[in-house]
Amino acid sequence: MWLIVIGALVLVPFWKLLPRFGIPNWVAIFAIFPLVALILLWVMAFKDQIDGGRA
């Protein structure tokens, strides 16, 4: 039960933030895996440098 709660607490912020960085919402489903969440955080952190500051 607590895994579902933690999964939801991770999923919802990614679901809201990813479109702002040009990444589809459905990718947030994979954020329940810690390594994928870490990779997504890195992508979001450096997305403005990748797009030339338009993020």
N, C-alpha and C. Protein backbone atom coordinates (compact mmCIF):
# COMPACT_ATOMS: atom_id res chain seq x y z
N MET A 1 0.82 -1.20 0.00
CA MET A 1 0.00 0.00 0.00
C MET A 1 0.86 1.26 0.00
N TRP A 2 1.90 1.24 0.83
CA TRP A 2 2.72 2.45 0.90
C TRP A 2 3.51 2.67 -0.37
N LEU A 3 3.77 1.61 -1.14
CA LEU A 3 4.45 1.78 -2.43
C LEU A 3 3.58 2.53 -3.43
N ILE A 4 2.28 2.31 -3.37
CA ILE A 4 1.37 3.03 -4.25
C ILE A 4 1.35 4.51 -3.90
N VAL A 5 1.36 4.82 -2.62
CA VAL A 5 1.37 6.21 -2.18
C VAL A 5 2.67 6.90 -2.61
N ILE A 6 3.79 6.24 -2.40
CA ILE A 6 5.08 6.83 -2.80
C ILE A 6 5.14 6.98 -4.32
N GLY A 7 4.64 5.99 -5.03
CA GLY A 7 4.61 6.08 -6.49
C GLY A 7 3.79 7.27 -6.97
N ALA A 8 2.65 7.50 -6.34
CA ALA A 8 1.81 8.64 -6.70
C ALA A 8 2.49 9.96 -6.37
N LEU A 9 3.18 9.99 -5.23
CA LEU A 9 3.88 11.22 -4.84
C LEU A 9 5.03 11.55 -5.78
N VAL A 10 5.57 10.56 -6.44
CA VAL A 10 6.63 10.79 -7.43
C VAL A 10 6.02 11.09 -8.79
N LEU A 11 4.97 10.39 -9.14
CA LEU A 11 4.38 10.49 -10.47
C LEU A 11 3.73 11.84 -10.74
N VAL A 12 2.98 12.35 -9.80
CA VAL A 12 2.20 13.58 -10.02
C VAL A 12 3.09 14.78 -10.35
N PRO A 13 4.15 15.05 -9.58
CA PRO A 13 4.99 16.20 -9.96
C PRO A 13 5.65 16.06 -11.33
N PHE A 14 6.11 14.85 -11.65
CA PHE A 14 6.70 14.64 -12.97
C PHE A 14 5.66 14.84 -14.06
N TRP A 15 4.43 14.38 -13.82
CA TRP A 15 3.34 14.50 -14.80
C TRP A 15 3.06 15.97 -15.10
N LYS A 16 3.16 16.82 -14.08
CA LYS A 16 2.90 18.26 -14.26
C LYS A 16 4.09 18.99 -14.88
N LEU A 17 5.31 18.59 -14.53
CA LEU A 17 6.50 19.32 -14.95
C LEU A 17 7.02 18.94 -16.33
N LEU A 18 6.93 17.69 -16.71
CA LEU A 18 7.54 17.25 -17.96
C LEU A 18 7.07 18.01 -19.20
N PRO A 19 5.77 18.31 -19.35
CA PRO A 19 5.36 19.07 -20.55
C PRO A 19 6.02 20.44 -20.64
N ARG A 20 6.35 21.04 -19.52
CA ARG A 20 7.01 22.35 -19.55
C ARG A 20 8.42 22.26 -20.12
N PHE A 21 8.97 21.06 -20.12
CA PHE A 21 10.31 20.86 -20.65
C PHE A 21 10.28 20.16 -22.01
N GLY A 22 9.09 20.06 -22.60
CA GLY A 22 8.96 19.48 -23.92
C GLY A 22 9.00 17.96 -23.95
N ILE A 23 8.73 17.33 -22.82
CA ILE A 23 8.75 15.88 -22.73
C ILE A 23 7.30 15.42 -22.52
N PRO A 24 6.85 14.38 -23.23
CA PRO A 24 5.45 13.94 -23.10
C PRO A 24 5.10 13.48 -21.67
N ASN A 25 3.83 13.67 -21.31
CA ASN A 25 3.35 13.29 -19.97
C ASN A 25 3.56 11.83 -19.66
N TRP A 26 3.36 10.95 -20.64
CA TRP A 26 3.40 9.52 -20.38
C TRP A 26 4.76 9.04 -19.91
N VAL A 27 5.81 9.82 -20.14
CA VAL A 27 7.15 9.44 -19.68
C VAL A 27 7.19 9.45 -18.15
N ALA A 28 6.31 10.20 -17.52
CA ALA A 28 6.27 10.28 -16.06
C ALA A 28 5.97 8.93 -15.43
N ILE A 29 5.30 8.05 -16.14
CA ILE A 29 5.00 6.73 -15.60
C ILE A 29 6.28 5.97 -15.26
N PHE A 30 7.31 6.18 -16.06
CA PHE A 30 8.58 5.50 -15.82
C PHE A 30 9.36 6.10 -14.65
N ALA A 31 8.93 7.25 -14.16
CA ALA A 31 9.62 7.91 -13.05
C ALA A 31 9.45 7.17 -11.73
N ILE A 32 8.59 6.16 -11.69
CA ILE A 32 8.46 5.38 -10.46
C ILE A 32 9.70 4.53 -10.22
N PHE A 33 10.52 4.36 -11.27
CA PHE A 33 11.79 3.67 -11.11
C PHE A 33 12.86 4.71 -10.76
N PRO A 34 13.58 4.51 -9.68
CA PRO A 34 14.51 5.54 -9.19
C PRO A 34 15.55 5.99 -10.22
N LEU A 35 16.11 5.08 -10.97
CA LEU A 35 17.13 5.47 -11.95
C LEU A 35 16.53 6.34 -13.05
N VAL A 36 15.34 6.01 -13.50
CA VAL A 36 14.67 6.81 -14.53
C VAL A 36 14.32 8.18 -13.99
N ALA A 37 13.86 8.25 -12.74
CA ALA A 37 13.55 9.54 -12.12
C ALA A 37 14.80 10.41 -12.04
N LEU A 38 15.92 9.81 -11.70
CA LEU A 38 17.17 10.56 -11.62
C LEU A 38 17.58 11.08 -12.99
N ILE A 39 17.43 10.24 -14.01
CA ILE A 39 17.77 10.67 -15.37
C ILE A 39 16.85 11.81 -15.81
N LEU A 40 15.56 11.70 -15.51
CA LEU A 40 14.62 12.76 -15.89
C LEU A 40 14.95 14.06 -15.17
N LEU A 41 15.35 13.99 -13.91
CA LEU A 41 15.75 15.20 -13.20
C LEU A 41 16.95 15.87 -13.85
N TRP A 42 17.91 15.07 -14.28
CA TRP A 42 19.08 15.62 -14.97
C TRP A 42 18.68 16.24 -16.31
N VAL A 43 17.81 15.58 -17.03
CA VAL A 43 17.36 16.12 -18.32
C VAL A 43 16.65 17.45 -18.11
N MET A 44 15.78 17.52 -17.11
CA MET A 44 15.07 18.76 -16.84
C MET A 44 16.02 19.86 -16.36
N ALA A 45 17.02 19.50 -15.60
CA ALA A 45 17.96 20.50 -15.07
C ALA A 45 18.77 21.15 -16.18
N PHE A 46 19.12 20.38 -17.20
CA PHE A 46 19.98 20.90 -18.25
C PHE A 46 19.24 21.15 -19.55
N LYS A 47 17.92 21.06 -19.55
CA LYS A 47 17.12 21.24 -20.76
C LYS A 47 17.27 22.66 -21.32
N ASP A 48 17.39 23.67 -20.47
CA ASP A 48 17.52 25.03 -20.97
C ASP A 48 18.83 25.21 -21.73
N GLN A 49 19.88 24.51 -21.33
CA GLN A 49 21.14 24.60 -22.06
C GLN A 49 21.06 23.86 -23.39
N ILE A 50 20.30 22.77 -23.41
CA ILE A 50 20.14 22.00 -24.64
C ILE A 50 19.34 22.79 -25.67
N ASP A 51 18.28 23.47 -25.22
CA ASP A 51 17.42 24.22 -26.12
C ASP A 51 17.87 25.65 -26.34
N GLY A 52 18.97 26.04 -25.78
CA GLY A 52 19.46 27.40 -25.95
C GLY A 52 18.76 28.40 -25.07
N GLY A 53 18.28 27.98 -23.91
CA GLY A 53 17.68 28.90 -22.95
C GLY A 53 16.21 29.15 -23.15
N ARG A 54 15.52 28.31 -23.91
CA ARG A 54 14.10 28.52 -24.16
C ARG A 54 13.20 27.71 -23.23
N ALA A 55 13.74 26.98 -22.29
CA ALA A 55 12.92 26.10 -21.44
C ALA A 55 12.13 26.88 -20.42
